[in-house]
PDB file of all heavy atoms in Angstrom:
ATOM      1  N   ALA A   1     -13.348   5.985  37.854  1.00  0.00           N
ATOM      2  CA  ALA A   1     -12.706   4.795  37.480  1.00  0.00           C
ATOM      3  C   ALA A   1     -12.808   4.534  35.941  1.00  0.00           C
ATOM      4  O   ALA A   1     -12.026   3.987  35.255  1.00  0.00           O
ATOM      5  CB  ALA A   1     -13.173   3.636  38.294  1.00  0.00           C
ATOM      6  N   ASN A   2     -14.061   4.959  35.484  1.00  0.00           N
ATOM      7  CA  ASN A   2     -14.320   4.700  33.936  1.00  0.00           C
ATOM      8  C   ASN A   2     -13.853   5.907  33.189  1.00  0.00           C
ATOM      9  O   ASN A   2     -13.659   5.621  31.950  1.00  0.00           O
ATOM     10  CB  ASN A   2     -15.913   4.606  33.869  1.00  0.00           C
ATOM     11  CG  ASN A   2     -16.481   3.409  34.514  1.00  0.00           C
ATOM     12  OD1 ASN A   2     -15.875   2.430  34.557  1.00  0.00           O
ATOM     13  ND2 ASN A   2     -17.691   3.590  35.116  1.00  0.00           N
ATOM     14  N   CYS A   3     -13.551   7.011  33.722  1.00  0.00           N
ATOM     15  CA  CYS A   3     -13.248   8.171  32.946  1.00  0.00           C
ATOM     16  C   CYS A   3     -11.790   8.400  32.779  1.00  0.00           C
ATOM     17  O   CYS A   3     -11.269   8.899  31.804  1.00  0.00           O
ATOM     18  CB  CYS A   3     -13.879   9.463  33.639  1.00  0.00           C
ATOM     19  SG  CYS A   3     -13.738  10.952  32.741  1.00  0.00           S
ATOM     20  N   THR A   4     -10.967   8.163  33.884  1.00  0.00           N
ATOM     21  CA  THR A   4      -9.492   8.517  33.806  1.00  0.00           C
ATOM     22  C   THR A   4      -8.664   7.509  34.563  1.00  0.00           C
ATOM     23  O   THR A   4      -9.197   6.820  35.564  1.00  0.00           O
ATOM     24  CB  THR A   4      -9.397   9.861  34.298  1.00  0.00           C
ATOM     25  OG1 THR A   4      -7.950  10.274  34.191  1.00  0.00           O
ATOM     26  CG2 THR A   4      -9.737  10.023  35.738  1.00  0.00           C
ATOM     27  N   LYS A   5      -7.407   7.469  34.243  1.00  0.00           N
ATOM     28  CA  LYS A   5      -6.439   6.617  35.002  1.00  0.00           C
ATOM     29  C   LYS A   5      -5.462   7.555  35.803  1.00  0.00           C
ATOM     30  O   LYS A   5      -4.474   7.035  36.313  1.00  0.00           O
ATOM     31  CB  LYS A   5      -5.710   5.686  34.094  1.00  0.00           C
ATOM     32  CG  LYS A   5      -6.456   4.706  33.297  1.00  0.00           C
ATOM     33  CD  LYS A   5      -5.722   3.837  32.341  1.00  0.00           C
ATOM     34  CE  LYS A   5      -6.551   2.767  31.679  1.00  0.00           C
ATOM     35  NZ  LYS A   5      -5.771   1.955  30.715  1.00  0.00           N
ATOM     36  N   ALA A   6      -5.854   8.742  35.838  1.00  0.00           N
ATOM     37  CA  ALA A   6      -4.982   9.696  36.573  1.00  0.00           C
ATOM     38  C   ALA A   6      -4.990   9.405  38.096  1.00  0.00           C
ATOM     39  O   ALA A   6      -5.946   8.860  38.544  1.00  0.00           O
ATOM     40  CB  ALA A   6      -5.520  11.157  36.380  1.00  0.00           C
ATOM     41  N   GLU A   7      -3.849   9.676  38.750  1.00  0.00           N
ATOM     42  CA  GLU A   7      -3.742   9.434  40.139  1.00  0.00           C
ATOM     43  C   GLU A   7      -4.757  10.269  40.961  1.00  0.00           C
ATOM     44  O   GLU A   7      -5.229  11.270  40.512  1.00  0.00           O
ATOM     45  CB  GLU A   7      -2.332   9.729  40.614  1.00  0.00           C
ATOM     46  CG  GLU A   7      -1.310   8.891  40.002  1.00  0.00           C
ATOM     47  CD  GLU A   7       0.175   9.309  40.470  1.00  0.00           C
ATOM     48  OE1 GLU A   7       0.265  10.181  41.323  1.00  0.00           O
ATOM     49  OE2 GLU A   7       1.153   8.687  39.911  1.00  0.00           O
ATOM     50  N   GLU A   8      -5.089   9.701  42.139  1.00  0.00           N
ATOM     51  CA  GLU A   8      -6.052  10.405  43.006  1.00  0.00           C
ATOM     52  C   GLU A   8      -5.441  11.764  43.382  1.00  0.00           C
ATOM     53  O   GLU A   8      -4.267  11.856  43.767  1.00  0.00           O
ATOM     54  CB  GLU A   8      -6.253   9.572  44.267  1.00  0.00           C
ATOM     55  CG  GLU A   8      -7.459  10.049  45.122  1.00  0.00           C
ATOM     56  CD  GLU A   8      -8.812   9.730  44.331  1.00  0.00           C
ATOM     57  OE1 GLU A   8      -8.888   8.779  43.619  1.00  0.00           O
ATOM     58  OE2 GLU A   8      -9.708  10.551  44.461  1.00  0.00           O
ATOM     59  N   GLY A   9      -6.253  12.823  43.273  1.00  0.00           N
ATOM     60  CA  GLY A   9      -5.740  14.157  43.564  1.00  0.00           C
ATOM     61  C   GLY A   9      -5.502  14.985  42.217  1.00  0.00           C
ATOM     62  O   GLY A   9      -5.405  16.174  42.296  1.00  0.00           O
ATOM     63  N   LYS A  10      -5.294  14.293  41.147  1.00  0.00           N
ATOM     64  CA  LYS A  10      -5.135  14.896  39.948  1.00  0.00           C
ATOM     65  C   LYS A  10      -6.417  14.875  39.034  1.00  0.00           C
ATOM     66  O   LYS A  10      -7.200  13.983  39.123  1.00  0.00           O
ATOM     67  CB  LYS A  10      -3.982  14.220  39.093  1.00  0.00           C
ATOM     68  CG  LYS A  10      -2.650  14.417  39.746  1.00  0.00           C
ATOM     69  CD  LYS A  10      -1.520  13.791  38.894  1.00  0.00           C
ATOM     70  CE  LYS A  10      -0.146  14.035  39.559  1.00  0.00           C
ATOM     71  NZ  LYS A  10       0.943  13.488  38.669  1.00  0.00           N
ATOM     72  N   HIS A  11      -6.585  15.904  38.243  1.00  0.00           N
ATOM     73  CA  HIS A  11      -7.846  16.085  37.506  1.00  0.00           C
ATOM     74  C   HIS A  11      -7.704  15.465  36.058  1.00  0.00           C
ATOM     75  O   HIS A  11      -6.523  15.496  35.585  1.00  0.00           O
ATOM     76  CB  HIS A  11      -8.292  17.577  37.436  1.00  0.00           C
ATOM     77  CG  HIS A  11      -8.390  18.142  38.829  1.00  0.00           C
ATOM     78  ND1 HIS A  11      -9.187  17.488  39.820  1.00  0.00           N
ATOM     79  CD2 HIS A  11      -7.893  19.340  39.394  1.00  0.00           C
ATOM     80  CE1 HIS A  11      -9.236  18.223  40.936  1.00  0.00           C
ATOM     81  NE2 HIS A  11      -8.448  19.352  40.635  1.00  0.00           N
ATOM     82  N   ARG A  12      -8.864  15.206  35.506  1.00  0.00           N
ATOM     83  CA  ARG A  12      -8.834  14.640  34.109  1.00  0.00           C
ATOM     84  C   ARG A  12      -8.418  15.681  33.113  1.00  0.00           C
ATOM     85  O   ARG A  12      -8.892  16.796  33.084  1.00  0.00           O
ATOM     86  CB  ARG A  12     -10.271  14.161  33.851  1.00  0.00           C
ATOM     87  CG  ARG A  12     -10.534  13.715  32.416  1.00  0.00           C
ATOM     88  CD  ARG A  12      -9.827  12.392  32.158  1.00  0.00           C
ATOM     89  NE  ARG A  12     -10.487  11.621  31.035  1.00  0.00           N
ATOM     90  CZ  ARG A  12     -10.122  11.610  29.890  1.00  0.00           C
ATOM     91  NH1 ARG A  12      -9.064  12.464  29.423  1.00  0.00           N
ATOM     92  NH2 ARG A  12     -10.756  10.842  28.957  1.00  0.00           N
ATOM     93  N   LYS A  13      -7.431  15.312  32.266  1.00  0.00           N
ATOM     94  CA  LYS A  13      -7.012  16.143  31.112  1.00  0.00           C
ATOM     95  C   LYS A  13      -7.439  15.517  29.869  1.00  0.00           C
ATOM     96  O   LYS A  13      -7.602  14.367  29.658  1.00  0.00           O
ATOM     97  CB  LYS A  13      -5.494  16.204  31.227  1.00  0.00           C
ATOM     98  CG  LYS A  13      -5.004  17.134  32.358  1.00  0.00           C
ATOM     99  CD  LYS A  13      -3.438  17.413  32.171  1.00  0.00           C
ATOM    100  CE  LYS A  13      -2.958  18.279  33.246  1.00  0.00           C
ATOM    101  NZ  LYS A  13      -1.486  18.553  33.219  1.00  0.00           N
ATOM    102  N   LEU A  14      -7.753  16.374  28.897  1.00  0.00           N
ATOM    103  CA  LEU A  14      -8.204  15.975  27.541  1.00  0.00           C
ATOM    104  C   LEU A  14      -7.358  16.662  26.576  1.00  0.00           C
ATOM    105  O   LEU A  14      -7.255  17.890  26.458  1.00  0.00           O
ATOM    106  CB  LEU A  14      -9.665  16.395  27.413  1.00  0.00           C
ATOM    107  CG  LEU A  14     -10.314  16.120  25.977  1.00  0.00           C
ATOM    108  CD1 LEU A  14     -10.225  14.689  25.719  1.00  0.00           C
ATOM    109  CD2 LEU A  14     -11.726  16.651  25.955  1.00  0.00           C
ATOM    110  N   ALA A  15      -6.717  16.014  25.672  1.00  0.00           N
ATOM    111  CA  ALA A  15      -5.830  16.503  24.623  1.00  0.00           C
ATOM    112  C   ALA A  15      -6.561  16.249  23.287  1.00  0.00           C
ATOM    113  O   ALA A  15      -6.844  15.224  22.937  1.00  0.00           O
ATOM    114  CB  ALA A  15      -4.421  15.824  24.593  1.00  0.00           C
ATOM    115  N   VAL A  16      -6.822  17.499  22.684  1.00  0.00           N
ATOM    116  CA  VAL A  16      -7.668  17.469  21.391  1.00  0.00           C
ATOM    117  C   VAL A  16      -6.743  17.881  20.249  1.00  0.00           C
ATOM    118  O   VAL A  16      -6.271  19.074  20.419  1.00  0.00           O
ATOM    119  CB  VAL A  16      -8.861  18.420  21.551  1.00  0.00           C
ATOM    120  CG1 VAL A  16      -9.701  18.372  20.235  1.00  0.00           C
ATOM    121  CG2 VAL A  16      -9.770  17.950  22.747  1.00  0.00           C
ATOM    122  N   ASN A  17      -6.658  17.032  19.324  1.00  0.00           N
ATOM    123  CA  ASN A  17      -5.986  17.342  18.028  1.00  0.00           C
ATOM    124  C   ASN A  17      -7.028  17.866  17.061  1.00  0.00           C
ATOM    125  O   ASN A  17      -7.648  17.134  16.457  1.00  0.00           O
ATOM    126  CB  ASN A  17      -5.234  16.132  17.453  1.00  0.00           C
ATOM    127  CG  ASN A  17      -4.358  16.524  16.329  1.00  0.00           C
ATOM    128  OD1 ASN A  17      -4.553  17.477  15.678  1.00  0.00           O
ATOM    129  ND2 ASN A  17      -3.409  15.661  16.111  1.00  0.00           N
ATOM    130  N   VAL A  18      -7.060  19.264  16.998  1.00  0.00           N
ATOM    131  CA  VAL A  18      -8.165  19.845  16.123  1.00  0.00           C
ATOM    132  C   VAL A  18      -8.015  19.459  14.724  1.00  0.00           C
ATOM    133  O   VAL A  18      -9.101  19.128  13.995  1.00  0.00           O
ATOM    134  CB  VAL A  18      -8.059  21.387  16.272  1.00  0.00           C
ATOM    135  CG1 VAL A  18      -9.183  21.963  15.420  1.00  0.00           C
ATOM    136  CG2 VAL A  18      -8.264  21.762  17.675  1.00  0.00           C
ATOM    137  N   ARG A  19      -6.772  19.465  14.147  1.00  0.00           N
ATOM    138  CA  ARG A  19      -6.719  19.175  12.704  1.00  0.00           C
ATOM    139  C   ARG A  19      -7.084  17.691  12.369  1.00  0.00           C
ATOM    140  O   ARG A  19      -7.746  17.401  11.420  1.00  0.00           O
ATOM    141  CB  ARG A  19      -5.158  19.405  12.259  1.00  0.00           C
ATOM    142  CG  ARG A  19      -4.911  19.119  10.755  1.00  0.00           C
ATOM    143  CD  ARG A  19      -3.666  19.675  10.376  1.00  0.00           C
ATOM    144  NE  ARG A  19      -2.494  19.080  11.048  1.00  0.00           N
ATOM    145  CZ  ARG A  19      -1.204  19.519  11.044  1.00  0.00           C
ATOM    146  NH1 ARG A  19      -0.947  20.515  10.239  1.00  0.00           N
ATOM    147  NH2 ARG A  19      -0.248  18.882  11.676  1.00  0.00           N
ATOM    148  N   TRP A  20      -6.680  16.786  13.326  1.00  0.00           N
ATOM    149  CA  TRP A  20      -6.986  15.410  13.149  1.00  0.00           C
ATOM    150  C   TRP A  20      -8.533  15.253  13.284  1.00  0.00           C
ATOM    151  O   TRP A  20      -9.107  14.364  12.435  1.00  0.00           O
ATOM    152  CB  TRP A  20      -6.372  14.557  14.221  1.00  0.00           C
ATOM    153  CG  TRP A  20      -6.672  13.081  14.203  1.00  0.00           C
ATOM    154  CD1 TRP A  20      -7.127  12.434  15.288  1.00  0.00           C
ATOM    155  CD2 TRP A  20      -6.527  12.094  13.223  1.00  0.00           C
ATOM    156  NE1 TRP A  20      -7.255  11.087  14.969  1.00  0.00           N
ATOM    157  CE2 TRP A  20      -6.909  10.878  13.732  1.00  0.00           C
ATOM    158  CE3 TRP A  20      -6.099  12.171  11.857  1.00  0.00           C
ATOM    159  CZ2 TRP A  20      -6.868   9.746  12.962  1.00  0.00           C
ATOM    160  CZ3 TRP A  20      -6.073  11.002  11.084  1.00  0.00           C
ATOM    161  CH2 TRP A  20      -6.489   9.796  11.595  1.00  0.00           C
ATOM    162  N   ALA A  21      -9.231  15.883  14.160  1.00  0.00           N
ATOM    163  CA  ALA A  21     -10.668  15.748  14.260  1.00  0.00           C
ATOM    164  C   ALA A  21     -11.343  16.374  12.943  1.00  0.00           C
ATOM    165  O   ALA A  21     -12.295  15.774  12.546  1.00  0.00           O
ATOM    166  CB  ALA A  21     -11.145  16.630  15.446  1.00  0.00           C
ATOM    167  N   GLN A  22     -10.789  17.373  12.449  1.00  0.00           N
ATOM    168  CA  GLN A  22     -11.370  17.975  11.171  1.00  0.00           C
ATOM    169  C   GLN A  22     -11.140  17.035  10.017  1.00  0.00           C
ATOM    170  O   GLN A  22     -12.039  16.726   9.166  1.00  0.00           O
ATOM    171  CB  GLN A  22     -10.756  19.278  10.837  1.00  0.00           C
ATOM    172  CG  GLN A  22     -11.109  20.399  11.802  1.00  0.00           C
ATOM    173  CD  GLN A  22     -10.291  21.655  11.548  1.00  0.00           C
ATOM    174  OE1 GLN A  22      -9.273  21.637  10.921  1.00  0.00           O
ATOM    175  NE2 GLN A  22     -10.713  22.756  12.149  1.00  0.00           N
ATOM    176  N   GLN A  23      -9.983  16.367   9.991  1.00  0.00           N
ATOM    177  CA  GLN A  23      -9.737  15.329   8.902  1.00  0.00           C
ATOM    178  C   GLN A  23     -10.662  14.154   9.021  1.00  0.00           C
ATOM    179  O   GLN A  23     -11.183  13.661   8.036  1.00  0.00           O
ATOM    180  CB  GLN A  23      -8.224  14.863   8.990  1.00  0.00           C
ATOM    181  CG  GLN A  23      -7.255  15.966   8.620  1.00  0.00           C
ATOM    182  CD  GLN A  23      -5.822  15.558   8.811  1.00  0.00           C
ATOM    183  OE1 GLN A  23      -5.559  14.657   9.614  1.00  0.00           O
ATOM    184  NE2 GLN A  23      -4.909  16.309   8.292  1.00  0.00           N
ATOM    185  N   LYS A  24     -10.975  13.691  10.236  1.00  0.00           N
ATOM    186  CA  LYS A  24     -11.805  12.562  10.333  1.00  0.00           C
ATOM    187  C   LYS A  24     -13.257  12.896  10.007  1.00  0.00           C
ATOM    188  O   LYS A  24     -13.981  12.156   9.432  1.00  0.00           O
ATOM    189  CB  LYS A  24     -11.793  12.056  11.798  1.00  0.00           C
ATOM    190  CG  LYS A  24     -10.436  11.510  12.215  1.00  0.00           C
ATOM    191  CD  LYS A  24     -10.565  10.565  13.398  1.00  0.00           C
ATOM    192  CE  LYS A  24     -10.978  11.279  14.739  1.00  0.00           C
ATOM    193  NZ  LYS A  24     -11.063  10.312  15.847  1.00  0.00           N
ATOM    194  N   GLU A  25     -13.635  14.156  10.269  1.00  0.00           N
ATOM    195  CA  GLU A  25     -14.965  14.681   9.898  1.00  0.00           C
ATOM    196  C   GLU A  25     -15.040  14.684   8.364  1.00  0.00           C
ATOM    197  O   GLU A  25     -16.095  14.338   7.838  1.00  0.00           O
ATOM    198  CB  GLU A  25     -15.261  15.952  10.524  1.00  0.00           C
ATOM    199  CG  GLU A  25     -16.604  16.537  10.218  1.00  0.00           C
ATOM    200  CD  GLU A  25     -17.805  15.728  10.656  1.00  0.00           C
ATOM    201  OE1 GLU A  25     -17.677  14.988  11.687  1.00  0.00           O
ATOM    202  OE2 GLU A  25     -18.806  15.688   9.954  1.00  0.00           O
ATOM    203  N   TYR A  26     -13.956  15.080   7.761  1.00  0.00           N
ATOM    204  CA  TYR A  26     -13.925  15.211   6.306  1.00  0.00           C
ATOM    205  C   TYR A  26     -14.122  13.799   5.704  1.00  0.00           C
ATOM    206  O   TYR A  26     -14.849  13.651   4.693  1.00  0.00           O
ATOM    207  CB  TYR A  26     -12.559  15.768   5.807  1.00  0.00           C
ATOM    208  CG  TYR A  26     -12.241  15.465   4.414  1.00  0.00           C
ATOM    209  CD1 TYR A  26     -12.695  16.270   3.350  1.00  0.00           C
ATOM    210  CD2 TYR A  26     -11.500  14.391   4.074  1.00  0.00           C
ATOM    211  CE1 TYR A  26     -12.452  16.087   2.080  1.00  0.00           C
ATOM    212  CE2 TYR A  26     -11.174  14.139   2.738  1.00  0.00           C
ATOM    213  CZ  TYR A  26     -11.653  14.957   1.750  1.00  0.00           C
ATOM    214  OH  TYR A  26     -11.393  14.757   0.389  1.00  0.00           O
ATOM    215  N   VAL A  27     -13.455  12.825   6.250  1.00  0.00           N
ATOM    216  CA  VAL A  27     -13.566  11.395   5.728  1.00  0.00           C
ATOM    217  C   VAL A  27     -15.025  10.878   5.977  1.00  0.00           C
ATOM    218  O   VAL A  27     -15.606  10.325   4.984  1.00  0.00           O
ATOM    219  CB  VAL A  27     -12.601  10.498   6.523  1.00  0.00           C
ATOM    220  CG1 VAL A  27     -12.808   8.984   6.087  1.00  0.00           C
ATOM    221  CG2 VAL A  27     -11.146  10.844   6.079  1.00  0.00           C
ATOM    222  N   ARG A  28     -15.542  11.168   7.098  1.00  0.00           N
ATOM    223  CA  ARG A  28     -16.968  10.707   7.296  1.00  0.00           C
ATOM    224  C   ARG A  28     -17.862  11.390   6.345  1.00  0.00           C
ATOM    225  O   ARG A  28     -18.855  10.648   5.793  1.00  0.00           O
ATOM    226  CB  ARG A  28     -17.343  10.985   8.780  1.00  0.00           C
ATOM    227  CG  ARG A  28     -16.674  10.047   9.757  1.00  0.00           C
ATOM    228  CD  ARG A  28     -17.241  10.245  11.152  1.00  0.00           C
ATOM    229  NE  ARG A  28     -16.995  11.466  11.734  1.00  0.00           N
ATOM    230  CZ  ARG A  28     -16.020  11.827  12.556  1.00  0.00           C
ATOM    231  NH1 ARG A  28     -15.108  10.860  12.886  1.00  0.00           N
ATOM    232  NH2 ARG A  28     -15.929  12.967  13.056  1.00  0.00           N
ATOM    233  N   MET A  29     -17.755  12.631   6.144  1.00  0.00           N
ATOM    234  CA  MET A  29     -18.668  13.309   5.242  1.00  0.00           C
ATOM    235  C   MET A  29     -18.523  12.837   3.827  1.00  0.00           C
ATOM    236  O   MET A  29     -19.399  12.671   3.048  1.00  0.00           O
ATOM    237  CB  MET A  29     -18.336  14.855   5.285  1.00  0.00           C
ATOM    238  CG  MET A  29     -19.165  15.667   4.399  1.00  0.00           C
ATOM    239  SD  MET A  29     -18.648  17.399   4.264  1.00  0.00           S
ATOM    240  CE  MET A  29     -17.037  17.187   3.377  1.00  0.00           C
ATOM    241  N   LYS A  30     -17.155  12.770   3.374  1.00  0.00           N
ATOM    242  CA  LYS A  30     -16.952  12.290   1.973  1.00  0.00           C
ATOM    243  C   LYS A  30     -17.557  10.841   1.721  1.00  0.00           C
ATOM    244  O   LYS A  30     -18.152  10.604   0.654  1.00  0.00           O
ATOM    245  CB  LYS A  30     -15.425  12.204   1.728  1.00  0.00           C
ATOM    246  CG  LYS A  30     -14.913  13.512   1.193  1.00  0.00           C
ATOM    247  CD  LYS A  30     -15.509  13.742  -0.297  1.00  0.00           C
ATOM    248  CE  LYS A  30     -15.138  15.211  -0.654  1.00  0.00           C
ATOM    249  NZ  LYS A  30     -15.853  15.493  -1.977  1.00  0.00           N
ATOM    250  N   LEU A  31     -17.274   9.889   2.619  1.00  0.00           N
ATOM    251  CA  LEU A  31     -17.742   8.550   2.367  1.00  0.00           C
ATOM    252  C   LEU A  31     -19.251   8.424   2.505  1.00  0.00           C
ATOM    253  O   LEU A  31     -19.777   7.394   2.196  1.00  0.00           O
ATOM    254  CB  LEU A  31     -16.992   7.577   3.423  1.00  0.00           C
ATOM    255  CG  LEU A  31     -15.435   7.503   3.080  1.00  0.00           C
ATOM    256  CD1 LEU A  31     -14.850   6.468   4.010  1.00  0.00           C
ATOM    257  CD2 LEU A  31     -15.249   7.124   1.645  1.00  0.00           C
ATOM    258  N   SER A  32     -19.897   9.417   3.098  1.00  0.00           N
ATOM    259  CA  SER A  32     -21.372   9.416   3.121  1.00  0.00           C
ATOM    260  C   SER A  32     -22.021   9.787   1.807  1.00  0.00           C
ATOM    261  O   SER A  32     -23.217   9.510   1.598  1.00  0.00           O
ATOM    262  CB  SER A  32     -21.879  10.341   4.203  1.00  0.00           C
ATOM    263  OG  SER A  32     -21.566  11.689   3.970  1.00  0.00           O
ATOM    264  N   GLU A  33     -21.222  10.428   1.004  1.00  0.00           N
ATOM    265  CA  GLU A  33     -21.699  10.748  -0.444  1.00  0.00           C
ATOM    266  C   GLU A  33     -21.762   9.490  -1.177  1.00  0.00           C
ATOM    267  O   GLU A  33     -20.929   8.577  -1.161  1.00  0.00           O
ATOM    268  CB  GLU A  33     -20.702  11.733  -1.043  1.00  0.00           C
ATOM    269  CG  GLU A  33     -20.680  13.053  -0.293  1.00  0.00           C
ATOM    270  CD  GLU A  33     -19.609  14.054  -0.873  1.00  0.00           C
ATOM    271  OE1 GLU A  33     -19.008  13.677  -1.903  1.00  0.00           O
ATOM    272  OE2 GLU A  33     -19.414  15.105  -0.365  1.00  0.00           O
ATOM    273  N   GLU A  34     -22.694   9.522  -2.096  1.00  0.00           N
ATOM    274  CA  GLU A  34     -22.961   8.292  -2.892  1.00  0.00           C
ATOM    275  C   GLU A  34     -21.834   7.960  -3.842  1.00  0.00           C
ATOM    276  O   GLU A  34     -21.404   6.765  -3.827  1.00  0.00           O
ATOM    277  CB  GLU A  34     -24.255   8.397  -3.722  1.00  0.00           C
ATOM    278  CG  GLU A  34     -24.619   7.180  -4.449  1.00  0.00           C
ATOM    279  CD  GLU A  34     -25.944   7.305  -5.280  1.00  0.00           C
ATOM    280  OE1 GLU A  34     -26.523   8.403  -5.137  1.00  0.00           O
ATOM    281  OE2 GLU A  34     -26.303   6.492  -6.096  1.00  0.00           O
ATOM    282  N   LYS A  35     -21.341   8.802  -4.564  1.00  0.00           N
ATOM    283  CA  LYS A  35     -20.228   8.632  -5.537  1.00  0.00           C
ATOM    284  C   LYS A  35     -18.929   8.153  -4.799  1.00  0.00           C
ATOM    285  O   LYS A  35     -18.291   7.146  -5.239  1.00  0.00           O
ATOM    286  CB  LYS A  35     -19.956   9.805  -6.309  1.00  0.00           C
ATOM    287  CG  LYS A  35     -18.896   9.653  -7.425  1.00  0.00           C
ATOM    288  CD  LYS A  35     -18.693  10.882  -8.182  1.00  0.00           C
ATOM    289  CE  LYS A  35     -17.584  10.722  -9.233  1.00  0.00           C
ATOM    290  NZ  LYS A  35     -17.379  11.924 -10.093  1.00  0.00           N
ATOM    291  N   ALA A  36     -18.543   8.904  -3.760  1.00  0.00           N
ATOM    292  CA  ALA A  36     -17.348   8.681  -3.018  1.00  0.00           C
ATOM    293  C   ALA A  36     -17.485   7.247  -2.319  1.00  0.00           C
ATOM    294  O   ALA A  36     -16.488   6.527  -2.290  1.00  0.00           O
ATOM    295  CB  ALA A  36     -17.060   9.728  -2.048  1.00  0.00           C
ATOM    296  N   GLY A  37     -18.640   6.929  -1.757  1.00  0.00           N
ATOM    297  CA  GLY A  37     -18.856   5.756  -1.133  1.00  0.00           C
ATOM    298  C   GLY A  37     -18.836   4.570  -2.117  1.00  0.00           C
ATOM    299  O   GLY A  37     -18.160   3.474  -1.715  1.00  0.00           O
ATOM    300  N   HIS A  38     -19.216   4.798  -3.314  1.00  0.00           N
ATOM    301  CA  HIS A  38     -19.134   3.753  -4.341  1.00  0.00           C
ATOM    302  C   HIS A  38     -17.669   3.513  -4.704  1.00  0.00           C
ATOM    303  O   HIS A  38     -17.309   2.386  -4.942  1.00  0.00           O
ATOM    304  CB  HIS A  38     -19.994   4.081  -5.525  1.00  0.00           C
ATOM    305  CG  HIS A  38     -19.863   3.197  -6.712  1.00  0.00           C
ATOM    306  ND1 HIS A  38     -20.453   1.928  -6.742  1.00  0.00           N
ATOM    307  CD2 HIS A  38     -19.209   3.338  -7.870  1.00  0.00           C
ATOM    308  CE1 HIS A  38     -20.132   1.405  -7.859  1.00  0.00           C
ATOM    309  NE2 HIS A  38     -19.413   2.098  -8.615  1.00  0.00           N
ATOM    310  N   LEU A  39     -17.004   4.565  -4.818  1.00  0.00           N
ATOM    311  CA  LEU A  39     -15.514   4.427  -5.273  1.00  0.00           C
ATOM    312  C   LEU A  39     -14.766   3.716  -4.125  1.00  0.00           C
ATOM    313  O   LEU A  39     -13.933   2.780  -4.424  1.00  0.00           O
ATOM    314  CB  LEU A  39     -14.859   5.828  -5.436  1.00  0.00           C
ATOM    315  CG  LEU A  39     -15.085   6.458  -6.776  1.00  0.00           C
ATOM    316  CD1 LEU A  39     -14.501   7.893  -6.888  1.00  0.00           C
ATOM    317  CD2 LEU A  39     -14.412   5.622  -7.858  1.00  0.00           C
ATOM    318  N   TYR A  40     -15.066   4.033  -2.897  1.00  0.00           N
ATOM    319  CA  TYR A  40     -14.333   3.332  -1.892  1.00  0.00           C
ATOM    320  C   TYR A  40     -14.668   1.811  -1.787  1.00  0.00           C
ATOM    321  O   TYR A  40     -13.834   0.971  -1.510  1.00  0.00           O
ATOM    322  CB  TYR A  40     -14.648   3.940  -0.483  1.00  0.00           C
ATOM    323  CG  TYR A  40     -13.846   3.421   0.711  1.00  0.00           C
ATOM    324  CD1 TYR A  40     -12.494   3.707   0.802  1.00  0.00           C
ATOM    325  CD2 TYR A  40     -14.410   2.452   1.570  1.00  0.00           C
ATOM    326  CE1 TYR A  40     -11.665   3.162   1.843  1.00  0.00           C
ATOM    327  CE2 TYR A  40     -13.695   1.863   2.573  1.00  0.00           C
ATOM    328  CZ  TYR A  40     -12.360   2.218   2.683  1.00  0.00           C
ATOM    329  OH  TYR A  40     -11.559   1.683   3.655  1.00  0.00           O
TER     330      TYR A  40
END
């Protein structure tokens, strides 16, 4: 009930956007830097 809204009998699916995940990681890494964080 907490994990999925799929109908009973169907299994949980997970769609992963690899490029979007890499971009988000890039943003987190950049803004953790002192200079970039100050600019933001």
